[in-house]
Amino acid sequence: MIHLTAFQRSYFMKSNGLFSSISFIRAMTSSKETLLPEDAATIIQGPSLLTNTSKFRPSPSIFFLPGLRSLPFWTAPTSNDKNKVKIAYGDKTITQIVNHLESNYHVIKEEYMHAIMGLGNKTDITGEKPSIHKPLEPDYDVNLKGEHASDKLHSGTWDWHSYILNGSIQPRFEDYCPKTTALIQEMQPELFLNNPFGFSFFSTLHGKSFIKPHYGPMNLRLRIHLPIIVPSETSPDEFSAKPQTKCGIRVGNQIRSWKEGEVLVLDDSYEHEVWNETKEIRVILLLDIWHPDVTLQERKRIEKMFHFAKEQGWVKS
């Protein structure tokens, strides 16, 4: 049986949004009429945490599975040293995924430029039957629901164009981005599907936009960034709030910038934040995958837990 520690912090989860950790915990632990599946994951309350120290540690807001290897970043900073290990622990699964995405970067970028930016699409409106192919519109309102919604987590403009949204595949993305879809599908069974916390989307963070420090909901996943467009001028100036770069990400106590075509793999159960102080957009293809230490049996039981919770109405799409 899997023991997932449920923390009582839910400061960025709205009770009327995608998922309410408090209502979920209460439903799973206090309902006498509900018969839980025999092999479902067990939710236990606690334990208390040592907080407000100078040491950054994974601290997911809802679920914690003990015993998983843990680092803020699983990819090393860019280096000219060919002998330097690029992927943490030399993990073969992560290495294969990183190589797969980086080798197909140009294909994915070209499709983004056409499907999302609208470059090269037909816009002839002079004929009797105008031929207009509109760009794919954003499909997720981060102001209304989900793990990124409440507590004014972000400021500025942040657009999502989702292939996997809350664990479900979006057909419109498949229609607009068939090549990207096929490339992502090749990463099965590592995709973090069939649960409300699985995502894969083009993340477009506009200039003068910020995502404030927060924790991911669980340590069961790793998050992958394939940078598609990175602002051209990121050197800090006297007006910069961040001394390292005008466009970057902090996970734990480590700060990184993006470089087009070079994958970042991170553990978002650490405190993390993102910023873009420039006037240009920053675009990444974001994908969630299973943490490689979560076994196949555990994955199936976790998926079963979420399926049961959805049937009971504890998880909202």
C-alpha atoms as a PDB file:
ATOM      1  CA  MET A   1       0.000   0.000   0.000  1.00  0.00           C
ATOM      2  CA  ILE A   2       1.271   3.484  -0.854  1.00  0.00           C
ATOM      3  CA  HIS A   3       1.379   6.075   1.886  1.00  0.00           C
ATOM      4  CA  LEU A   4       0.971   9.605   0.550  1.00  0.00           C
ATOM      5  CA  THR A   5       1.389  12.311   3.140  1.00  0.00           C
ATOM      6  CA  ALA A   6      -1.303  14.974   2.777  1.00  0.00           C
ATOM      7  CA  PHE A   7      -0.247  18.405   3.950  1.00  0.00           C
ATOM      8  CA  GLN A   8      -2.822  20.846   5.187  1.00  0.00           C
ATOM      9  CA  ARG A   9      -1.393  23.777   3.227  1.00  0.00           C
ATOM     10  CA  SER A  10      -3.604  24.687   0.295  1.00  0.00           C
ATOM     11  CA  TYR A  11      -2.870  28.365  -0.038  1.00  0.00           C
ATOM     12  CA  PHE A  12      -2.904  28.374  -3.822  1.00  0.00           C
ATOM     13  CA  MET A  13      -5.777  25.939  -4.278  1.00  0.00           C
ATOM     14  CA  LYS A  14      -9.304  27.338  -4.468  1.00  0.00           C
ATOM     15  CA  SER A  15     -12.008  25.236  -2.874  1.00  0.00           C
ATOM     16  CA  ASN A  16     -14.171  25.791  -5.962  1.00  0.00           C
ATOM     17  CA  GLY A  17     -11.349  25.169  -8.392  1.00  0.00           C
ATOM     18  CA  LEU A  18      -9.826  22.035  -9.841  1.00  0.00           C
ATOM     19  CA  PHE A  19      -8.949  20.388  -6.581  1.00  0.00           C
ATOM     20  CA  SER A  20      -9.360  21.205  -2.912  1.00  0.00           C
ATOM     21  CA  SER A  21      -6.788  19.467  -0.744  1.00  0.00           C
ATOM     22  CA  ILE A  22      -8.716  20.094   2.478  1.00  0.00           C
ATOM     23  CA  SER A  23     -12.042  18.786   1.161  1.00  0.00           C
ATOM     24  CA  PHE A  24     -10.294  15.830  -0.457  1.00  0.00           C
ATOM     25  CA  ILE A  25      -8.509  14.887   2.763  1.00  0.00           C
ATOM     26  CA  ARG A  26     -11.669  15.223   4.828  1.00  0.00           C
ATOM     27  CA  ALA A  27     -13.649  13.159   2.346  1.00  0.00           C
ATOM     28  CA  MET A  28     -11.047  10.408   2.254  1.00  0.00           C
ATOM     29  CA  THR A  29     -10.579  10.238   6.026  1.00  0.00           C
ATOM     30  CA  SER A  30     -13.961  11.020   7.575  1.00  0.00           C
ATOM     31  CA  SER A  31     -16.577   9.443   5.320  1.00  0.00           C
ATOM     32  CA  LYS A  32     -18.014   6.314   6.963  1.00  0.00           C
ATOM     33  CA  GLU A  33     -20.325   5.499   4.068  1.00  0.00           C
ATOM     34  CA  THR A  34     -17.681   5.524   1.331  1.00  0.00           C
ATOM     35  CA  LEU A  35     -15.939   2.211   0.771  1.00  0.00           C
ATOM     36  CA  LEU A  36     -12.460   2.925  -0.544  1.00  0.00           C
ATOM     37  CA  PRO A  37     -10.846   0.540  -3.054  1.00  0.00           C
ATOM     38  CA  GLU A  38      -8.741  -2.091  -1.306  1.00  0.00           C
ATOM     39  CA  ASP A  39      -5.560  -1.241  -3.200  1.00  0.00           C
ATOM     40  CA  ALA A  40      -6.021   2.510  -3.309  1.00  0.00           C
ATOM     41  CA  ALA A  41      -3.370   4.791  -1.896  1.00  0.00           C
ATOM     42  CA  THR A  42      -3.784   5.692   1.748  1.00  0.00           C
ATOM     43  CA  ILE A  43      -3.885   9.328   2.761  1.00  0.00           C
ATOM     44  CA  ILE A  44      -2.563  10.123   6.218  1.00  0.00           C
ATOM     45  CA  GLN A  45      -2.544  13.481   7.933  1.00  0.00           C
ATOM     46  CA  GLY A  46       0.693  15.128   9.006  1.00  0.00           C
ATOM     47  CA  PRO A  47       3.475  14.997   9.907  1.00  0.00           C
ATOM     48  CA  SER A  48       4.480  18.438  11.083  1.00  0.00           C
ATOM     49  CA  LEU A  49       7.228  20.077   9.078  1.00  0.00           C
ATOM     50  CA  LEU A  50      10.267  22.084  10.066  1.00  0.00           C
ATOM     51  CA  THR A  51       9.899  25.275   8.060  1.00  0.00           C
ATOM     52  CA  ASN A  52      11.417  28.737   7.739  1.00  0.00           C
ATOM     53  CA  THR A  53      14.973  27.466   7.616  1.00  0.00           C
ATOM     54  CA  SER A  54      17.650  28.476   5.128  1.00  0.00           C
ATOM     55  CA  LYS A  55      17.610  25.008   3.552  1.00  0.00           C
ATOM     56  CA  PHE A  56      15.331  24.439   0.560  1.00  0.00           C
ATOM     57  CA  ARG A  57      13.639  21.055   0.549  1.00  0.00           C
ATOM     58  CA  PRO A  58      10.778  19.555  -1.447  1.00  0.00           C
ATOM     59  CA  SER A  59       7.537  20.584   0.222  1.00  0.00           C
ATOM     60  CA  PRO A  60       4.575  19.717  -2.040  1.00  0.00           C
ATOM     61  CA  SER A  61       1.303  21.331  -1.097  1.00  0.00           C
ATOM     62  CA  ILE A  62      -0.854  18.186  -1.220  1.00  0.00           C
ATOM     63  CA  PHE A  63       0.925  14.823  -1.615  1.00  0.00           C
ATOM     64  CA  PHE A  64       4.363  13.581  -0.653  1.00  0.00           C
ATOM     65  CA  LEU A  65       5.724  10.126  -1.481  1.00  0.00           C
ATOM     66  CA  PRO A  66       8.764   9.366   0.711  1.00  0.00           C
ATOM     67  CA  GLY A  67      11.960   7.869  -0.615  1.00  0.00           C
ATOM     68  CA  LEU A  68      12.207   9.583  -4.027  1.00  0.00           C
ATOM     69  CA  ARG A  69      15.502  11.081  -5.152  1.00  0.00           C
ATOM     70  CA  SER A  70      15.286  14.818  -4.932  1.00  0.00           C
ATOM     71  CA  LEU A  71      17.089  17.749  -6.579  1.00  0.00           C
ATOM     72  CA  PRO A  72      15.843  21.195  -7.658  1.00  0.00           C
ATOM     73  CA  PHE A  73      17.199  20.625 -11.183  1.00  0.00           C
ATOM     74  CA  TRP A  74      17.910  17.286 -12.842  1.00  0.00           C
ATOM     75  CA  THR A  75      19.849  18.892 -15.693  1.00  0.00           C
ATOM     76  CA  ALA A  76      23.246  20.537 -15.236  1.00  0.00           C
ATOM     77  CA  PRO A  77      23.923  24.112 -16.385  1.00  0.00           C
ATOM     78  CA  THR A  78      25.293  24.559 -19.897  1.00  0.00           C
ATOM     79  CA  SER A  79      28.975  23.653 -19.969  1.00  0.00           C
ATOM     80  CA  ASN A  80      31.789  23.218 -22.489  1.00  0.00           C
ATOM     81  CA  ASP A  81      33.054  20.246 -20.521  1.00  0.00           C
ATOM     82  CA  LYS A  82      32.061  17.215 -22.605  1.00  0.00           C
ATOM     83  CA  ASN A  83      32.849  14.885 -19.693  1.00  0.00           C
ATOM     84  CA  LYS A  84      30.417  16.600 -17.335  1.00  0.00           C
ATOM     85  CA  VAL A  85      27.321  14.556 -16.492  1.00  0.00           C
ATOM     86  CA  LYS A  86      24.333  16.418 -17.907  1.00  0.00           C
ATOM     87  CA  ILE A  87      21.507  14.427 -16.283  1.00  0.00           C
ATOM     88  CA  ALA A  88      21.354  13.873 -12.530  1.00  0.00           C
ATOM     89  CA  TYR A  89      22.274  10.357 -11.447  1.00  0.00           C
ATOM     90  CA  GLY A  90      22.865   9.536 -15.123  1.00  0.00           C
ATOM     91  CA  ASP A  91      19.202   8.531 -15.194  1.00  0.00           C
ATOM     92  CA  LYS A  92      18.523   6.699 -18.470  1.00  0.00           C
ATOM     93  CA  THR A  93      14.831   7.566 -18.718  1.00  0.00           C
ATOM     94  CA  ILE A  94      15.413  11.297 -18.257  1.00  0.00           C
ATOM     95  CA  THR A  95      18.386  11.188 -20.628  1.00  0.00           C
ATOM     96  CA  GLN A  96      16.294   9.589 -23.381  1.00  0.00           C
ATOM     97  CA  ILE A  97      13.543  12.166 -22.996  1.00  0.00           C
ATOM     98  CA  VAL A  98      15.971  15.097 -23.021  1.00  0.00           C
ATOM     99  CA  ASN A  99      17.735  13.795 -26.128  1.00  0.00           C
ATOM    100  CA  HIS A 100      14.407  13.140 -27.840  1.00  0.00           C
ATOM    101  CA  LEU A 101      13.139  16.683 -27.278  1.00  0.00           C
ATOM    102  CA  GLU A 102      16.395  18.452 -28.094  1.00  0.00           C
ATOM    103  CA  SER A 103      16.843  16.527 -31.340  1.00  0.00           C
ATOM    104  CA  ASN A 104      13.336  17.567 -32.435  1.00  0.00           C
ATOM    105  CA  TYR A 105      13.500  21.168 -31.213  1.00  0.00           C
ATOM    106  CA  HIS A 106      13.370  22.732 -34.701  1.00  0.00           C
ATOM    107  CA  VAL A 107      10.306  20.667 -35.675  1.00  0.00           C
ATOM    108  CA  ILE A 108       8.465  21.728 -32.525  1.00  0.00           C
ATOM    109  CA  LYS A 109       9.432  25.390 -32.892  1.00  0.00           C
ATOM    110  CA  GLU A 110       8.343  25.524 -36.520  1.00  0.00           C
ATOM    111  CA  GLU A 111       4.956  24.076 -35.608  1.00  0.00           C
ATOM    112  CA  TYR A 112       4.566  26.549 -32.745  1.00  0.00           C
ATOM    113  CA  MET A 113       5.322  29.476 -35.050  1.00  0.00           C
ATOM    114  CA  HIS A 114       2.652  28.319 -37.507  1.00  0.00           C
ATOM    115  CA  ALA A 115      -0.058  27.028 -35.173  1.00  0.00           C
ATOM    116  CA  ILE A 116       0.229  29.543 -32.333  1.00  0.00           C
ATOM    117  CA  MET A 117       1.861  32.615 -33.874  1.00  0.00           C
ATOM    118  CA  GLY A 118       0.018  32.221 -37.168  1.00  0.00           C
ATOM    119  CA  LEU A 119       3.047  32.518 -39.419  1.00  0.00           C
ATOM    120  CA  GLY A 120       2.572  31.100 -42.892  1.00  0.00           C
ATOM    121  CA  ASN A 121      -1.143  30.418 -42.434  1.00  0.00           C
ATOM    122  CA  LYS A 122      -3.644  31.247 -45.144  1.00  0.00           C
ATOM    123  CA  THR A 123      -5.422  34.556 -44.582  1.00  0.00           C
ATOM    124  CA  ASP A 124      -6.919  35.239 -48.011  1.00  0.00           C
ATOM    125  CA  ILE A 125     -10.279  36.985 -47.542  1.00  0.00           C
ATOM    126  CA  THR A 126     -10.748  38.244 -51.118  1.00  0.00           C
ATOM    127  CA  GLY A 127     -12.443  35.188 -52.654  1.00  0.00           C
ATOM    128  CA  GLU A 128     -16.015  33.988 -52.437  1.00  0.00           C
ATOM    129  CA  LYS A 129     -14.986  31.429 -49.837  1.00  0.00           C
ATOM    130  CA  PRO A 130     -12.267  33.100 -47.773  1.00  0.00           C
ATOM    131  CA  SER A 131      -9.522  30.761 -46.652  1.00  0.00           C
ATOM    132  CA  ILE A 132      -8.591  31.722 -43.115  1.00  0.00           C
ATOM    133  CA  HIS A 133      -6.774  29.502 -40.674  1.00  0.00           C
ATOM    134  CA  LYS A 134      -6.829  31.196 -37.311  1.00  0.00           C
ATOM    135  CA  PRO A 135      -4.038  30.526 -34.820  1.00  0.00           C
ATOM    136  CA  LEU A 136      -4.829  28.227 -31.924  1.00  0.00           C
ATOM    137  CA  GLU A 137      -6.244  30.241 -29.047  1.00  0.00           C
ATOM    138  CA  PRO A 138      -5.185  29.873 -25.387  1.00  0.00           C
ATOM    139  CA  ASP A 139      -7.268  27.253 -23.609  1.00  0.00           C
ATOM    140  CA  TYR A 140      -6.683  27.725 -19.906  1.00  0.00           C
ATOM    141  CA  ASP A 141      -7.603  30.700 -17.752  1.00  0.00           C
ATOM    142  CA  VAL A 142      -5.027  30.761 -14.983  1.00  0.00           C
ATOM    143  CA  ASN A 143      -7.108  33.384 -13.175  1.00  0.00           C
ATOM    144  CA  LEU A 144     -10.040  31.061 -12.581  1.00  0.00           C
ATOM    145  CA  LYS A 145      -9.031  27.537 -11.601  1.00  0.00           C
ATOM    146  CA  GLY A 146      -6.344  24.994 -11.010  1.00  0.00           C
ATOM    147  CA  GLU A 147      -3.108  24.809  -9.097  1.00  0.00           C
ATOM    148  CA  HIS A 148      -1.889  28.103 -10.635  1.00  0.00           C
ATOM    149  CA  ALA A 149      -5.001  30.156  -9.953  1.00  0.00           C
ATOM    150  CA  SER A 150      -5.518  31.589  -6.506  1.00  0.00           C
ATOM    151  CA  ASP A 151      -3.593  33.830  -4.159  1.00  0.00           C
ATOM    152  CA  LYS A 152      -2.663  36.064  -7.115  1.00  0.00           C
ATOM    153  CA  LEU A 153       0.087  33.653  -8.086  1.00  0.00           C
ATOM    154  CA  HIS A 154       1.052  35.450 -11.269  1.00  0.00           C
ATOM    155  CA  SER A 155       1.012  38.973 -12.682  1.00  0.00           C
ATOM    156  CA  GLY A 156       1.119  40.046 -16.302  1.00  0.00           C
ATOM    157  CA  THR A 157       0.090  37.761 -19.168  1.00  0.00           C
ATOM    158  CA  TRP A 158       0.637  34.023 -19.260  1.00  0.00           C
ATOM    159  CA  ASP A 159      -0.890  32.010 -22.127  1.00  0.00           C
ATOM    160  CA  TRP A 160      -1.352  28.249 -22.253  1.00  0.00           C
ATOM    161  CA  HIS A 161      -1.882  26.130 -25.376  1.00  0.00           C
ATOM    162  CA  SER A 162      -2.428  22.679 -23.953  1.00  0.00           C
ATOM    163  CA  TYR A 163      -1.989  19.182 -25.289  1.00  0.00           C
ATOM    164  CA  ILE A 164      -2.496  17.584 -21.851  1.00  0.00           C
ATOM    165  CA  LEU A 165      -4.706  19.619 -19.530  1.00  0.00           C
ATOM    166  CA  ASN A 166      -5.464  18.313 -16.034  1.00  0.00           C
ATOM    167  CA  GLY A 167      -4.398  14.856 -17.217  1.00  0.00           C
ATOM    168  CA  SER A 168      -6.636  14.818 -20.314  1.00  0.00           C
ATOM    169  CA  ILE A 169      -5.603  15.081 -23.973  1.00  0.00           C
ATOM    170  CA  GLN A 170      -6.982  18.079 -25.882  1.00  0.00           C
ATOM    171  CA  PRO A 171      -8.126  17.229 -29.450  1.00  0.00           C
ATOM    172  CA  ARG A 172      -7.754  20.807 -30.754  1.00  0.00           C
ATOM    173  CA  PHE A 173      -4.052  20.776 -29.972  1.00  0.00           C
ATOM    174  CA  GLU A 174      -3.723  17.509 -31.862  1.00  0.00           C
ATOM    175  CA  ASP A 175      -5.399  19.128 -34.884  1.00  0.00           C
ATOM    176  CA  TYR A 176      -3.146  22.187 -34.870  1.00  0.00           C
ATOM    177  CA  CYS A 177       0.117  20.580 -33.785  1.00  0.00           C
ATOM    178  CA  PRO A 178       0.187  16.998 -35.120  1.00  0.00           C
ATOM    179  CA  LYS A 179       3.992  16.750 -35.248  1.00  0.00           C
ATOM    180  CA  THR A 180       4.439  17.971 -31.675  1.00  0.00           C
ATOM    181  CA  THR A 181       1.645  15.651 -30.578  1.00  0.00           C
ATOM    182  CA  ALA A 182       3.348  12.653 -32.173  1.00  0.00           C
ATOM    183  CA  LEU A 183       6.690  13.527 -30.582  1.00  0.00           C
ATOM    184  CA  ILE A 184       5.112  13.826 -27.139  1.00  0.00           C
ATOM    185  CA  GLN A 185       3.254  10.542 -27.580  1.00  0.00           C
ATOM    186  CA  GLU A 186       6.566   8.797 -28.203  1.00  0.00           C
ATOM    187  CA  MET A 187       7.410   9.480 -24.552  1.00  0.00           C
ATOM    188  CA  GLN A 188       4.745   7.113 -23.283  1.00  0.00           C
ATOM    189  CA  PRO A 189       4.462   5.620 -20.672  1.00  0.00           C
ATOM    190  CA  GLU A 190       6.396   8.352 -18.861  1.00  0.00           C
ATOM    191  CA  LEU A 191       3.788  11.075 -19.464  1.00  0.00           C
ATOM    192  CA  PHE A 192       2.004  12.153 -16.298  1.00  0.00           C
ATOM    193  CA  LEU A 193      -1.503  11.297 -17.531  1.00  0.00           C
ATOM    194  CA  ASN A 194      -4.793  10.168 -15.980  1.00  0.00           C
ATOM    195  CA  ASN A 195      -4.653  12.475 -12.991  1.00  0.00           C
ATOM    196  CA  PRO A 196      -5.673  16.115 -12.448  1.00  0.00           C
ATOM    197  CA  PHE A 197      -2.073  17.310 -12.090  1.00  0.00           C
ATOM    198  CA  GLY A 198      -0.669  16.231 -15.449  1.00  0.00           C
ATOM    199  CA  PHE A 199       0.106  18.952 -17.996  1.00  0.00           C
ATOM    200  CA  SER A 200       1.792  19.426 -21.350  1.00  0.00           C
ATOM    201  CA  PHE A 201       1.480  22.808 -23.033  1.00  0.00           C
ATOM    202  CA  PHE A 202       3.162  25.678 -24.813  1.00  0.00           C
ATOM    203  CA  SER A 203       3.763  28.154 -22.003  1.00  0.00           C
ATOM    204  CA  THR A 204       4.004  31.730 -23.291  1.00  0.00           C
ATOM    205  CA  LEU A 205       5.078  34.206 -20.634  1.00  0.00           C
ATOM    206  CA  HIS A 206       4.784  37.726 -21.991  1.00  0.00           C
ATOM    207  CA  GLY A 207       7.080  40.590 -21.128  1.00  0.00           C
ATOM    208  CA  LYS A 208       6.754  42.210 -17.700  1.00  0.00           C
ATOM    209  CA  SER A 209       5.136  39.064 -16.315  1.00  0.00           C
ATOM    210  CA  PHE A 210       5.935  37.097 -13.171  1.00  0.00           C
ATOM    211  CA  ILE A 211       4.970  33.825 -11.498  1.00  0.00           C
ATOM    212  CA  LYS A 212       5.439  34.219  -7.766  1.00  0.00           C
ATOM    213  CA  PRO A 213       7.173  31.717  -5.445  1.00  0.00           C
ATOM    214  CA  HIS A 214       5.070  28.615  -4.864  1.00  0.00           C
ATOM    215  CA  TYR A 215       5.246  24.826  -4.488  1.00  0.00           C
ATOM    216  CA  GLY A 216       3.895  22.169  -6.833  1.00  0.00           C
ATOM    217  CA  PRO A 217       1.136  19.921  -5.499  1.00  0.00           C
ATOM    218  CA  MET A 218       3.189  16.693  -5.265  1.00  0.00           C
ATOM    219  CA  ASN A 219       6.617  15.150  -5.730  1.00  0.00           C
ATOM    220  CA  LEU A 220       5.336  12.380  -8.028  1.00  0.00           C
ATOM    221  CA  ARG A 221       6.258  14.255 -11.201  1.00  0.00           C
ATOM    222  CA  LEU A 222       9.218  15.986 -12.787  1.00  0.00           C
ATOM    223  CA  ARG A 223       8.663  19.017 -14.998  1.00  0.00           C
ATOM    224  CA  ILE A 224      10.421  19.455 -18.334  1.00  0.00           C
ATOM    225  CA  HIS A 225      11.052  22.771 -20.123  1.00  0.00           C
ATOM    226  CA  LEU A 226      12.036  22.831 -23.796  1.00  0.00           C
ATOM    227  CA  PRO A 227      12.750  26.522 -24.548  1.00  0.00           C
ATOM    228  CA  ILE A 228      11.220  27.569 -27.883  1.00  0.00           C
ATOM    229  CA  ILE A 229      11.691  31.365 -27.746  1.00  0.00           C
ATOM    230  CA  VAL A 230      13.935  33.165 -25.265  1.00  0.00           C
ATOM    231  CA  PRO A 231      14.230  36.977 -25.040  1.00  0.00           C
ATOM    232  CA  SER A 232      17.326  38.247 -26.819  1.00  0.00           C
ATOM    233  CA  GLU A 233      18.517  40.656 -24.129  1.00  0.00           C
ATOM    234  CA  THR A 234      18.416  39.338 -20.575  1.00  0.00           C
ATOM    235  CA  SER A 235      21.390  41.085 -18.968  1.00  0.00           C
ATOM    236  CA  PRO A 236      20.258  42.827 -15.758  1.00  0.00           C
ATOM    237  CA  ASP A 237      20.334  46.608 -15.509  1.00  0.00           C
ATOM    238  CA  GLU A 238      19.752  49.140 -12.757  1.00  0.00           C
ATOM    239  CA  PHE A 239      15.989  48.587 -13.015  1.00  0.00           C
ATOM    240  CA  SER A 240      16.126  44.810 -12.670  1.00  0.00           C
ATOM    241  CA  ALA A 241      14.519  43.192  -9.656  1.00  0.00           C
ATOM    242  CA  LYS A 242      16.642  40.082 -10.191  1.00  0.00           C
ATOM    243  CA  PRO A 243      20.425  40.510 -10.203  1.00  0.00           C
ATOM    244  CA  GLN A 244      21.215  37.381 -12.262  1.00  0.00           C
ATOM    245  CA  THR A 245      18.976  37.625 -15.335  1.00  0.00           C
ATOM    246  CA  LYS A 246      15.916  39.519 -16.571  1.00  0.00           C
ATOM    247  CA  CYS A 247      14.274  36.274 -17.658  1.00  0.00           C
ATOM    248  CA  GLY A 248      14.767  33.176 -15.568  1.00  0.00           C
ATOM    249  CA  ILE A 249      13.562  30.581 -13.101  1.00  0.00           C
ATOM    250  CA  ARG A 250      14.516  29.845  -9.511  1.00  0.00           C
ATOM    251  CA  VAL A 251      14.009  26.378  -8.050  1.00  0.00           C
ATOM    252  CA  GLY A 252      15.073  26.106  -4.417  1.00  0.00           C
ATOM    253  CA  ASN A 253      18.244  28.173  -4.156  1.00  0.00           C
ATOM    254  CA  GLN A 254      19.307  27.674  -7.791  1.00  0.00           C
ATOM    255  CA  ILE A 255      18.663  30.171 -10.596  1.00  0.00           C
ATOM    256  CA  ARG A 256      18.775  29.289 -14.280  1.00  0.00           C
ATOM    257  CA  SER A 257      18.200  31.047 -17.568  1.00  0.00           C
ATOM    258  CA  TRP A 258      16.771  29.307 -20.618  1.00  0.00           C
ATOM    259  CA  LYS A 259      18.646  28.662 -23.841  1.00  0.00           C
ATOM    260  CA  GLU A 260      16.649  27.830 -26.943  1.00  0.00           C
ATOM    261  CA  GLY A 261      16.670  24.136 -27.685  1.00  0.00           C
ATOM    262  CA  GLU A 262      18.308  23.089 -24.390  1.00  0.00           C
ATOM    263  CA  VAL A 263      16.049  21.188 -21.999  1.00  0.00           C
ATOM    264  CA  LEU A 264      15.682  21.963 -18.300  1.00  0.00           C
ATOM    265  CA  VAL A 265      14.330  19.246 -15.993  1.00  0.00           C
ATOM    266  CA  LEU A 266      13.180  20.392 -12.569  1.00  0.00           C
ATOM    267  CA  ASP A 267      11.347  19.225  -9.479  1.00  0.00           C
ATOM    268  CA  ASP A 268       8.553  21.704  -8.863  1.00  0.00           C
ATOM    269  CA  SER A 269       7.819  20.346  -5.389  1.00  0.00           C
ATOM    270  CA  TYR A 270      10.582  22.747  -4.345  1.00  0.00           C
ATOM    271  CA  GLU A 271       9.672  26.388  -3.977  1.00  0.00           C
ATOM    272  CA  HIS A 272      10.065  27.978  -7.399  1.00  0.00           C
ATOM    273  CA  GLU A 273       9.330  31.195  -9.249  1.00  0.00           C
ATOM    274  CA  VAL A 274       9.598  32.549 -12.799  1.00  0.00           C
ATOM    275  CA  TRP A 275      10.056  36.039 -14.193  1.00  0.00           C
ATOM    276  CA  ASN A 276      10.301  37.862 -17.503  1.00  0.00           C
ATOM    277  CA  GLU A 277      11.306  41.494 -17.056  1.00  0.00           C
ATOM    278  CA  THR A 278      11.960  42.003 -20.773  1.00  0.00           C
ATOM    279  CA  LYS A 279       9.582  43.317 -23.436  1.00  0.00           C
ATOM    280  CA  GLU A 280       9.684  40.048 -25.392  1.00  0.00           C
ATOM    281  CA  ILE A 281       7.854  36.752 -24.918  1.00  0.00           C
ATOM    282  CA  ARG A 282       9.396  33.644 -23.427  1.00  0.00           C
ATOM    283  CA  VAL A 283       7.996  30.388 -24.804  1.00  0.00           C
ATOM    284  CA  ILE A 284       8.640  26.861 -23.578  1.00  0.00           C
ATOM    285  CA  LEU A 285       7.087  23.489 -24.274  1.00  0.00           C
ATOM    286  CA  LEU A 286       6.305  22.220 -20.781  1.00  0.00           C
ATOM    287  CA  LEU A 287       5.755  18.532 -20.068  1.00  0.00           C
ATOM    288  CA  ASP A 288       5.103  16.630 -16.869  1.00  0.00           C
ATOM    289  CA  ILE A 289       6.497  13.102 -16.536  1.00  0.00           C
ATOM    290  CA  TRP A 290       6.430  10.545 -13.773  1.00  0.00           C
ATOM    291  CA  HIS A 291       9.291  10.764 -11.317  1.00  0.00           C
ATOM    292  CA  PRO A 292      11.485   7.840 -12.402  1.00  0.00           C
ATOM    293  CA  ASP A 293      11.505   6.395  -8.873  1.00  0.00           C
ATOM    294  CA  VAL A 294       7.720   5.873  -8.827  1.00  0.00           C
ATOM    295  CA  THR A 295       7.219   2.239  -9.802  1.00  0.00           C
ATOM    296  CA  LEU A 296       4.657   0.989 -12.314  1.00  0.00           C
ATOM    297  CA  GLN A 297       2.603  -0.587  -9.528  1.00  0.00           C
ATOM    298  CA  GLU A 298       2.597   2.680  -7.599  1.00  0.00           C
ATOM    299  CA  ARG A 299       1.605   4.630 -10.704  1.00  0.00           C
ATOM    300  CA  LYS A 300      -1.389   2.369 -11.301  1.00  0.00           C
ATOM    301  CA  ARG A 301      -2.557   2.674  -7.722  1.00  0.00           C
ATOM    302  CA  ILE A 302      -2.138   6.440  -7.700  1.00  0.00           C
ATOM    303  CA  GLU A 303      -4.155   6.687 -10.927  1.00  0.00           C
ATOM    304  CA  LYS A 304      -6.809   4.470  -9.356  1.00  0.00           C
ATOM    305  CA  MET A 305      -6.940   6.763  -6.326  1.00  0.00           C
ATOM    306  CA  PHE A 306      -7.564   9.798  -8.550  1.00  0.00           C
ATOM    307  CA  HIS A 307     -10.151   7.937 -10.626  1.00  0.00           C
ATOM    308  CA  PHE A 308     -12.021   6.984  -7.464  1.00  0.00           C
ATOM    309  CA  ALA A 309     -11.799  10.559  -6.141  1.00  0.00           C
ATOM    310  CA  LYS A 310     -13.257  11.862  -9.413  1.00  0.00           C
ATOM    311  CA  GLU A 311     -16.132   9.387  -9.241  1.00  0.00           C
ATOM    312  CA  GLN A 312     -16.899  10.633  -5.729  1.00  0.00           C
ATOM    313  CA  GLY A 313     -16.884  14.259  -6.891  1.00  0.00           C
ATOM    314  CA  TRP A 314     -13.802  15.173  -4.855  1.00  0.00           C
ATOM    315  CA  VAL A 315     -11.851  16.098  -7.971  1.00  0.00           C
ATOM    316  CA  LYS A 316     -13.318  18.664 -10.356  1.00  0.00           C
ATOM    317  CA  SER A 317     -12.293  18.930 -13.981  1.00  0.00           C
END
